[in-house]
Amino acid sequence: QLQLVESGGGLVQPGGSLRLSCAASGGGIISRYYTMGWFRQAPGKEREGISSISSSGSSLKYADSVKGRFTISRDNAKNTVYLQMNSLKPEDTAIYYCAARNGPGVTHVQALYDYWGQGTQVTVSS
């Protein structure tokens, strides 16, 4: 059973930056199997996919709302996936979730992800 733990959330001013981390454990080396994704859920809204990365890191996908501002990456030796968030806006305020998919193909389809973390809160406010 794969466990995912997010960290790095917090309060930041508009225009600021944060780096989220997602540490995987209990399921072997994520590099061999898992496509990873970041999702977020803002207050009163449905959860949405914002970025995904293939097991090798060679394929990336971003939602239009974060393209050019957010960067997903992974360190397979550390079983960790990152989301670097720059130029943050108040509308980026949400709970951010990490998820793992036991299969190929970057995607934001939530039903295709097998494991989920508990989430980390990101608040962008002055």
Foldseek 3Di string as FASTA:
>chain_A
DKAKAKDWADEAAAQAKIKMKIAIDDPPQQLVFKKKFKWWDDPPGDIWTAKIAWSPRPDIDGDPVQPPFWDWDDDRVRRMIMIIGGRDDQVVWTWMKMFIARHGDTDTPPVRTDDIYPTDTHGYHD
